[in-house]
Amino acid sequence: MRNLQEYYLKNDDIKLLSHTVMPWKDSIPILKQYAERNGVNVDKWHLVTGNKEELYDIAKNGYFTDEDFIKTQDESDFIHA
C-alpha cells in the first residue's frame, strides 16, 4: 500500500481506502497513530473503521473478498484481502 501511495501521490483521480478488519480494536485514534507511525498520507490514503457487520458485509459483498476462496461458513469469519 505504501508503494501504491507513493506511485499515485500526485494523481488526484486516485484515492486509497483501507477498511479495518478489527473494528473492535481499530478506533479512530488508533488508526491515526498507525497512519502517523507508517507515513500514511491522509489526503491520499484513508483508513476507516465502523460497525463490524457492515464492514464485513462491504468486504464480502462489495469487494468480493471470498470470491477466490470457499465461501466462509461463519459470517463472523473474515478473509484478509
PDB file of N, CA and C in Angstrom:
ATOM      1  N   MET A   1       0.828  -1.189   0.000  1.00  0.00           N
ATOM      2  CA  MET A   1       0.000   0.000   0.000  1.00  0.00           C
ATOM      3  C   MET A   1       0.872   1.252   0.000  1.00  0.00           C
ATOM      4  N   ARG A   2       1.975   1.188   0.716  1.00  0.00           N
ATOM      5  CA  ARG A   2       2.850   2.362   0.733  1.00  0.00           C
ATOM      6  C   ARG A   2       3.385   2.650  -0.674  1.00  0.00           C
ATOM      7  N   ASN A   3       3.749   1.596  -1.403  1.00  0.00           N
ATOM      8  CA  ASN A   3       4.219   1.776  -2.781  1.00  0.00           C
ATOM      9  C   ASN A   3       3.130   2.381  -3.660  1.00  0.00           C
ATOM     10  N   LEU A   4       1.906   1.914  -3.495  1.00  0.00           N
ATOM     11  CA  LEU A   4       0.786   2.482  -4.250  1.00  0.00           C
ATOM     12  C   LEU A   4       0.580   3.950  -3.892  1.00  0.00           C
ATOM     13  N   GLN A   5       0.672   4.251  -2.599  1.00  0.00           N
ATOM     14  CA  GLN A   5       0.525   5.631  -2.155  1.00  0.00           C
ATOM     15  C   GLN A   5       1.561   6.517  -2.842  1.00  0.00           C
ATOM     16  N   GLU A   6       2.798   6.074  -2.850  1.00  0.00           N
ATOM     17  CA  GLU A   6       3.860   6.878  -3.456  1.00  0.00           C
ATOM     18  C   GLU A   6       3.677   7.002  -4.971  1.00  0.00           C
ATOM     19  N   TYR A   7       3.301   5.909  -5.606  1.00  0.00           N
ATOM     20  CA  TYR A   7       3.140   5.906  -7.063  1.00  0.00           C
ATOM     21  C   TYR A   7       2.036   6.877  -7.508  1.00  0.00           C
ATOM     22  N   TYR A   8       0.932   6.888  -6.755  1.00  0.00           N
ATOM     23  CA  TYR A   8      -0.224   7.698  -7.142  1.00  0.00           C
ATOM     24  C   TYR A   8      -0.340   9.013  -6.364  1.00  0.00           C
ATOM     25  N   LEU A   9       0.677   9.369  -5.616  1.00  0.00           N
ATOM     26  CA  LEU A   9       0.609  10.527  -4.734  1.00  0.00           C
ATOM     27  C   LEU A   9       0.169  11.803  -5.450  1.00  0.00           C
ATOM     28  N   LYS A  10       0.632  12.033  -6.636  1.00  0.00           N
ATOM     29  CA  LYS A  10       0.313  13.273  -7.358  1.00  0.00           C
ATOM     30  C   LYS A  10      -0.891  13.135  -8.296  1.00  0.00           C
ATOM     31  N   ASN A  11      -1.490  11.949  -8.330  1.00  0.00           N
ATOM     32  CA  ASN A  11      -2.664  11.717  -9.180  1.00  0.00           C
ATOM     33  C   ASN A  11      -3.921  11.979  -8.346  1.00  0.00           C
ATOM     34  N   ASP A  12      -4.565  13.108  -8.584  1.00  0.00           N
ATOM     35  CA  ASP A  12      -5.744  13.483  -7.801  1.00  0.00           C
ATOM     36  C   ASP A  12      -6.970  12.629  -8.105  1.00  0.00           C
ATOM     37  N   ASP A  13      -6.912  11.834  -9.160  1.00  0.00           N
ATOM     38  CA  ASP A  13      -8.041  10.972  -9.511  1.00  0.00           C
ATOM     39  C   ASP A  13      -8.038   9.663  -8.724  1.00  0.00           C
ATOM     40  N   ILE A  14      -6.940   9.370  -8.050  1.00  0.00           N
ATOM     41  CA  ILE A  14      -6.802   8.108  -7.323  1.00  0.00           C
ATOM     42  C   ILE A  14      -6.753   8.372  -5.826  1.00  0.00           C
ATOM     43  N   LYS A  15      -7.613   7.687  -5.081  1.00  0.00           N
ATOM     44  CA  LYS A  15      -7.593   7.695  -3.616  1.00  0.00           C
ATOM     45  C   LYS A  15      -7.471   6.249  -3.158  1.00  0.00           C
ATOM     46  N   LEU A  16      -6.814   6.039  -2.049  1.00  0.00           N
ATOM     47  CA  LEU A  16      -6.677   4.704  -1.475  1.00  0.00           C
ATOM     48  C   LEU A  16      -7.567   4.618  -0.239  1.00  0.00           C
ATOM     49  N   LEU A  17      -8.168   3.457  -0.033  1.00  0.00           N
ATOM     50  CA  LEU A  17      -9.090   3.258   1.085  1.00  0.00           C
ATOM     51  C   LEU A  17      -8.801   1.915   1.727  1.00  0.00           C
ATOM     52  N   SER A  18      -8.574   1.937   3.025  1.00  0.00           N
ATOM     53  CA  SER A  18      -8.364   0.698   3.782  1.00  0.00           C
ATOM     54  C   SER A  18      -9.404   0.621   4.887  1.00  0.00           C
ATOM     55  N   HIS A  19     -10.172  -0.461   4.881  1.00  0.00           N
ATOM     56  CA  HIS A  19     -11.135  -0.727   5.952  1.00  0.00           C
ATOM     57  C   HIS A  19     -10.464  -1.640   6.968  1.00  0.00           C
ATOM     58  N   THR A  20     -10.658  -1.361   8.244  1.00  0.00           N
ATOM     59  CA  THR A  20     -10.156  -2.269   9.258  1.00  0.00           C
ATOM     60  C   THR A  20     -10.941  -3.576   9.224  1.00  0.00           C
ATOM     61  N   VAL A  21     -10.287  -4.660   9.595  1.00  0.00           N
ATOM     62  CA  VAL A  21     -10.989  -5.932   9.774  1.00  0.00           C
ATOM     63  C   VAL A  21     -11.131  -6.237  11.264  1.00  0.00           C
ATOM     64  N   MET A  22     -10.673  -5.300  12.095  1.00  0.00           N
ATOM     65  CA  MET A  22     -10.785  -5.443  13.548  1.00  0.00           C
ATOM     66  C   MET A  22     -11.357  -4.155  14.153  1.00  0.00           C
ATOM     67  N   PRO A  23     -12.607  -3.828  13.835  1.00  0.00           N
ATOM     68  CA  PRO A  23     -13.166  -2.568  14.317  1.00  0.00           C
ATOM     69  C   PRO A  23     -13.276  -2.495  15.840  1.00  0.00           C
ATOM     70  N   TRP A  24     -13.308  -3.627  16.526  1.00  0.00           N
ATOM     71  CA  TRP A  24     -13.361  -3.638  17.981  1.00  0.00           C
ATOM     72  C   TRP A  24     -12.039  -3.129  18.568  1.00  0.00           C
ATOM     73  N   LYS A  25     -10.975  -3.134  17.780  1.00  0.00           N
ATOM     74  CA  LYS A  25      -9.657  -2.680  18.228  1.00  0.00           C
ATOM     75  C   LYS A  25      -9.252  -1.367  17.562  1.00  0.00           C
ATOM     76  N   ASP A  26      -9.555  -1.218  16.293  1.00  0.00           N
ATOM     77  CA  ASP A  26      -9.074  -0.093  15.500  1.00  0.00           C
ATOM     78  C   ASP A  26     -10.019   1.101  15.571  1.00  0.00           C
ATOM     79  N   SER A  27      -9.885   1.852  16.648  1.00  0.00           N
ATOM     80  CA  SER A  27     -10.657   3.089  16.797  1.00  0.00           C
ATOM     81  C   SER A  27     -10.024   4.175  15.925  1.00  0.00           C
ATOM     82  N   ILE A  28     -10.690   5.283  15.804  1.00  0.00           N
ATOM     83  CA  ILE A  28     -10.141   6.396  15.028  1.00  0.00           C
ATOM     84  C   ILE A  28      -8.791   6.847  15.585  1.00  0.00           C
ATOM     85  N   PRO A  29      -8.639   7.012  16.914  1.00  0.00           N
ATOM     86  CA  PRO A  29      -7.318   7.397  17.431  1.00  0.00           C
ATOM     87  C   PRO A  29      -6.231   6.352  17.148  1.00  0.00           C
ATOM     88  N   ILE A  30      -6.570   5.076  17.190  1.00  0.00           N
ATOM     89  CA  ILE A  30      -5.594   4.016  16.891  1.00  0.00           C
ATOM     90  C   ILE A  30      -5.188   4.079  15.424  1.00  0.00           C
ATOM     91  N   LEU A  31      -6.151   4.269  14.527  1.00  0.00           N
ATOM     92  CA  LEU A  31      -5.834   4.377  13.102  1.00  0.00           C
ATOM     93  C   LEU A  31      -5.006   5.629  12.819  1.00  0.00           C
ATOM     94  N   LYS A  32      -5.282   6.697  13.532  1.00  0.00           N
ATOM     95  CA  LYS A  32      -4.489   7.923  13.365  1.00  0.00           C
ATOM     96  C   LYS A  32      -3.047   7.673  13.788  1.00  0.00           C
ATOM     97  N   GLN A  33      -2.844   6.996  14.916  1.00  0.00           N
ATOM     98  CA  GLN A  33      -1.491   6.655  15.361  1.00  0.00           C
ATOM     99  C   GLN A  33      -0.784   5.773  14.339  1.00  0.00           C
ATOM    100  N   TYR A  34      -1.503   4.792  13.803  1.00  0.00           N
ATOM    101  CA  TYR A  34      -0.943   3.917  12.773  1.00  0.00           C
ATOM    102  C   TYR A  34      -0.485   4.733  11.567  1.00  0.00           C
ATOM    103  N   ALA A  35      -1.344   5.649  11.140  1.00  0.00           N
ATOM    104  CA  ALA A  35      -1.023   6.484   9.982  1.00  0.00           C
ATOM    105  C   ALA A  35       0.230   7.315  10.243  1.00  0.00           C
ATOM    106  N   GLU A  36       0.311   7.900  11.418  1.00  0.00           N
ATOM    107  CA  GLU A  36       1.477   8.725  11.758  1.00  0.00           C
ATOM    108  C   GLU A  36       2.760   7.894  11.807  1.00  0.00           C
ATOM    109  N   ARG A  37       2.691   6.706  12.400  1.00  0.00           N
ATOM    110  CA  ARG A  37       3.875   5.832  12.518  1.00  0.00           C
ATOM    111  C   ARG A  37       4.336   5.288  11.176  1.00  0.00           C
ATOM    112  N   ASN A  38       3.393   5.128  10.225  1.00  0.00           N
ATOM    113  CA  ASN A  38       3.710   4.444   8.975  1.00  0.00           C
ATOM    114  C   ASN A  38       3.723   5.344   7.743  1.00  0.00           C
ATOM    115  N   GLY A  39       3.744   6.629   7.944  1.00  0.00           N
ATOM    116  CA  GLY A  39       3.863   7.544   6.816  1.00  0.00           C
ATOM    117  C   GLY A  39       2.676   7.561   5.877  1.00  0.00           C
ATOM    118  N   VAL A  40       1.494   7.342   6.420  1.00  0.00           N
ATOM    119  CA  VAL A  40       0.290   7.378   5.596  1.00  0.00           C
ATOM    120  C   VAL A  40      -0.051   8.834   5.299  1.00  0.00           C
ATOM    121  N   ASN A  41      -0.164   9.167   4.032  1.00  0.00           N
ATOM    122  CA  ASN A  41      -0.607  10.492   3.615  1.00  0.00           C
ATOM    123  C   ASN A  41      -2.131  10.482   3.658  1.00  0.00           C
ATOM    124  N   VAL A  42      -2.699  11.122   4.667  1.00  0.00           N
ATOM    125  CA  VAL A  42      -4.142  11.019   4.896  1.00  0.00           C
ATOM    126  C   VAL A  42      -4.982  11.750   3.844  1.00  0.00           C
ATOM    127  N   ASP A  43      -4.341  12.528   2.987  1.00  0.00           N
ATOM    128  CA  ASP A  43      -5.074  13.117   1.869  1.00  0.00           C
ATOM    129  C   ASP A  43      -5.234  12.119   0.719  1.00  0.00           C
ATOM    130  N   LYS A  44      -4.341  11.153   0.662  1.00  0.00           N
ATOM    131  CA  LYS A  44      -4.340  10.155  -0.413  1.00  0.00           C
ATOM    132  C   LYS A  44      -4.947   8.831   0.059  1.00  0.00           C
ATOM    133  N   TRP A  45      -4.568   8.414   1.267  1.00  0.00           N
ATOM    134  CA  TRP A  45      -4.887   7.072   1.754  1.00  0.00           C
ATOM    135  C   TRP A  45      -5.747   7.192   3.006  1.00  0.00           C
ATOM    136  N   HIS A  46      -6.968   6.720   2.926  1.00  0.00           N
ATOM    137  CA  HIS A  46      -7.925   6.844   4.020  1.00  0.00           C
ATOM    138  C   HIS A  46      -8.043   5.517   4.759  1.00  0.00           C
ATOM    139  N   LEU A  47      -7.858   5.568   6.074  1.00  0.00           N
ATOM    140  CA  LEU A  47      -8.008   4.402   6.940  1.00  0.00           C
ATOM    141  C   LEU A  47      -9.328   4.561   7.678  1.00  0.00           C
ATOM    142  N   VAL A  48     -10.221   3.587   7.527  1.00  0.00           N
ATOM    143  CA  VAL A  48     -11.549   3.741   8.112  1.00  0.00           C
ATOM    144  C   VAL A  48     -11.915   2.553   8.992  1.00  0.00           C
ATOM    145  N   THR A  49     -12.793   2.836   9.925  1.00  0.00           N
ATOM    146  CA  THR A  49     -13.349   1.832  10.813  1.00  0.00           C
ATOM    147  C   THR A  49     -14.863   2.005  10.812  1.00  0.00           C
ATOM    148  N   GLY A  50     -15.545   1.167  11.546  1.00  0.00           N
ATOM    149  CA  GLY A  50     -17.001   1.266  11.612  1.00  0.00           C
ATOM    150  C   GLY A  50     -17.585   0.042  12.272  1.00  0.00           C
ATOM    151  N   ASN A  51     -18.840  -0.192  11.993  1.00  0.00           N
ATOM    152  CA  ASN A  51     -19.564  -1.324  12.542  1.00  0.00           C
ATOM    153  C   ASN A  51     -19.065  -2.622  11.899  1.00  0.00           C
ATOM    154  N   LYS A  52     -18.729  -3.607  12.724  1.00  0.00           N
ATOM    155  CA  LYS A  52     -18.159  -4.862  12.224  1.00  0.00           C
ATOM    156  C   LYS A  52     -19.036  -5.514  11.153  1.00  0.00           C
ATOM    157  N   GLU A  53     -20.309  -5.652  11.422  1.00  0.00           N
ATOM    158  CA  GLU A  53     -21.187  -6.334  10.475  1.00  0.00           C
ATOM    159  C   GLU A  53     -21.229  -5.601   9.140  1.00  0.00           C
ATOM    160  N   GLU A  54     -21.271  -4.285   9.190  1.00  0.00           N
ATOM    161  CA  GLU A  54     -21.317  -3.503   7.955  1.00  0.00           C
ATOM    162  C   GLU A  54     -19.992  -3.587   7.192  1.00  0.00           C
ATOM    163  N   LEU A  55     -18.877  -3.513   7.924  1.00  0.00           N
ATOM    164  CA  LEU A  55     -17.572  -3.623   7.268  1.00  0.00           C
ATOM    165  C   LEU A  55     -17.407  -4.985   6.600  1.00  0.00           C
ATOM    166  N   TYR A  56     -17.800  -6.047   7.298  1.00  0.00           N
ATOM    167  CA  TYR A  56     -17.665  -7.392   6.745  1.00  0.00           C
ATOM    168  C   TYR A  56     -18.605  -7.584   5.554  1.00  0.00           C
ATOM    169  N   ASP A  57     -19.793  -6.994   5.634  1.00  0.00           N
ATOM    170  CA  ASP A  57     -20.722  -7.084   4.506  1.00  0.00           C
ATOM    171  C   ASP A  57     -20.152  -6.376   3.283  1.00  0.00           C
ATOM    172  N   ILE A  58     -19.585  -5.195   3.472  1.00  0.00           N
ATOM    173  CA  ILE A  58     -18.961  -4.471   2.356  1.00  0.00           C
ATOM    174  C   ILE A  58     -17.846  -5.307   1.747  1.00  0.00           C
ATOM    175  N   ALA A  59     -17.011  -5.891   2.605  1.00  0.00           N
ATOM    176  CA  ALA A  59     -15.873  -6.669   2.109  1.00  0.00           C
ATOM    177  C   ALA A  59     -16.325  -7.908   1.346  1.00  0.00           C
ATOM    178  N   LYS A  60     -17.273  -8.621   1.900  1.00  0.00           N
ATOM    179  CA  LYS A  60     -17.708  -9.873   1.278  1.00  0.00           C
ATOM    180  C   LYS A  60     -18.586  -9.656   0.058  1.00  0.00           C
ATOM    181  N   ASN A  61     -19.466  -8.667   0.125  1.00  0.00           N
ATOM    182  CA  ASN A  61     -20.435  -8.491  -0.965  1.00  0.00           C
ATOM    183  C   ASN A  61     -20.109  -7.331  -1.894  1.00  0.00           C
ATOM    184  N   GLY A  62     -19.301  -6.407  -1.443  1.00  0.00           N
ATOM    185  CA  GLY A  62     -18.927  -5.273  -2.282  1.00  0.00           C
ATOM    186  C   GLY A  62     -17.585  -5.475  -2.947  1.00  0.00           C
ATOM    187  N   TYR A  63     -16.639  -6.039  -2.188  1.00  0.00           N
ATOM    188  CA  TYR A  63     -15.289  -6.263  -2.709  1.00  0.00           C
ATOM    189  C   TYR A  63     -15.042  -7.725  -3.056  1.00  0.00           C
ATOM    190  N   PHE A  64     -16.016  -8.579  -2.761  1.00  0.00           N
ATOM    191  CA  PHE A  64     -15.963  -9.997  -3.125  1.00  0.00           C
ATOM    192  C   PHE A  64     -14.693 -10.677  -2.610  1.00  0.00           C
ATOM    193  N   THR A  65     -14.331 -10.416  -1.348  1.00  0.00           N
ATOM    194  CA  THR A  65     -13.115 -10.998  -0.795  1.00  0.00           C
ATOM    195  C   THR A  65     -13.177 -12.522  -0.708  1.00  0.00           C
ATOM    196  N   ASP A  66     -14.353 -13.099  -0.733  1.00  0.00           N
ATOM    197  CA  ASP A  66     -14.480 -14.557  -0.676  1.00  0.00           C
ATOM    198  C   ASP A  66     -14.529 -15.204  -2.049  1.00  0.00           C
ATOM    199  N   GLU A  67     -14.545 -14.433  -3.118  1.00  0.00           N
ATOM    200  CA  GLU A  67     -14.763 -14.982  -4.457  1.00  0.00           C
ATOM    201  C   GLU A  67     -13.746 -16.044  -4.859  1.00  0.00           C
ATOM    202  N   ASP A  68     -12.487 -15.862  -4.523  1.00  0.00           N
ATOM    203  CA  ASP A  68     -11.461 -16.825  -4.916  1.00  0.00           C
ATOM    204  C   ASP A  68     -11.264 -17.925  -3.882  1.00  0.00           C
ATOM    205  N   PHE A  69     -12.063 -17.911  -2.855  1.00  0.00           N
ATOM    206  CA  PHE A  69     -11.952 -18.885  -1.784  1.00  0.00           C
ATOM    207  C   PHE A  69     -13.303 -19.563  -1.617  1.00  0.00           C
ATOM    208  N   ILE A  70     -13.330 -20.602  -0.849  1.00  0.00           N
ATOM    209  CA  ILE A  70     -14.612 -21.219  -0.500  1.00  0.00           C
ATOM    210  C   ILE A  70     -15.354 -20.238   0.393  1.00  0.00           C
ATOM    211  N   LYS A  71     -16.629 -20.032   0.138  1.00  0.00           N
ATOM    212  CA  LYS A  71     -17.404 -19.122   0.972  1.00  0.00           C
ATOM    213  C   LYS A  71     -17.290 -19.550   2.433  1.00  0.00           C
ATOM    214  N   THR A  72     -17.071 -18.588   3.306  1.00  0.00           N
ATOM    215  CA  THR A  72     -16.933 -18.904   4.720  1.00  0.00           C
ATOM    216  C   THR A  72     -18.259 -19.429   5.248  1.00  0.00           C
ATOM    217  N   GLN A  73     -18.151 -20.370   6.137  1.00  0.00           N
ATOM    218  CA  GLN A  73     -19.339 -20.957   6.744  1.00  0.00           C
ATOM    219  C   GLN A  73     -19.886 -20.076   7.858  1.00  0.00           C
ATOM    220  N   ASP A  74     -19.021 -19.334   8.495  1.00  0.00           N
ATOM    221  CA  ASP A  74     -19.417 -18.491   9.618  1.00  0.00           C
ATOM    222  C   ASP A  74     -19.270 -17.040   9.204  1.00  0.00           C
ATOM    223  N   GLU A  75     -20.347 -16.297   9.248  1.00  0.00           N
ATOM    224  CA  GLU A  75     -20.323 -14.901   8.813  1.00  0.00           C
ATOM    225  C   GLU A  75     -19.342 -14.058   9.607  1.00  0.00           C
ATOM    226  N   SER A  76     -18.968 -14.505  10.827  1.00  0.00           N
ATOM    227  CA  SER A  76     -18.022 -13.728  11.596  1.00  0.00           C
ATOM    228  C   SER A  76     -16.586 -13.976  11.167  1.00  0.00           C
ATOM    229  N   ASP A  77     -16.347 -15.025  10.366  1.00  0.00           N
ATOM    230  CA  ASP A  77     -15.012 -15.269   9.819  1.00  0.00           C
ATOM    231  C   ASP A  77     -14.741 -14.256   8.717  1.00  0.00           C
ATOM    232  N   PHE A  78     -13.488 -13.877   8.594  1.00  0.00           N
ATOM    233  CA  PHE A  78     -13.135 -12.873   7.606  1.00  0.00           C
ATOM    234  C   PHE A  78     -11.841 -13.238   6.928  1.00  0.00           C
ATOM    235  N   ILE A  79     -11.797 -13.082   5.632  1.00  0.00           N
ATOM    236  CA  ILE A  79     -10.574 -13.348   4.861  1.00  0.00           C
ATOM    237  C   ILE A  79      -9.930 -12.013   4.573  1.00  0.00           C
ATOM    238  N   HIS A  80      -8.668 -11.868   4.941  1.00  0.00           N
ATOM    239  CA  HIS A  80      -7.936 -10.644   4.636  1.00  0.00           C
ATOM    240  C   HIS A  80      -7.596 -10.649   3.148  1.00  0.00           C
ATOM    241  N   ALA A  81      -7.872  -9.547   2.490  1.00  0.00           N
ATOM    242  CA  ALA A  81      -7.578  -9.446   1.066  1.00  0.00           C
ATOM    243  C   ALA A  81      -6.470  -8.461   0.816  1.00  0.00           C
TER     244      ALA A  81
END
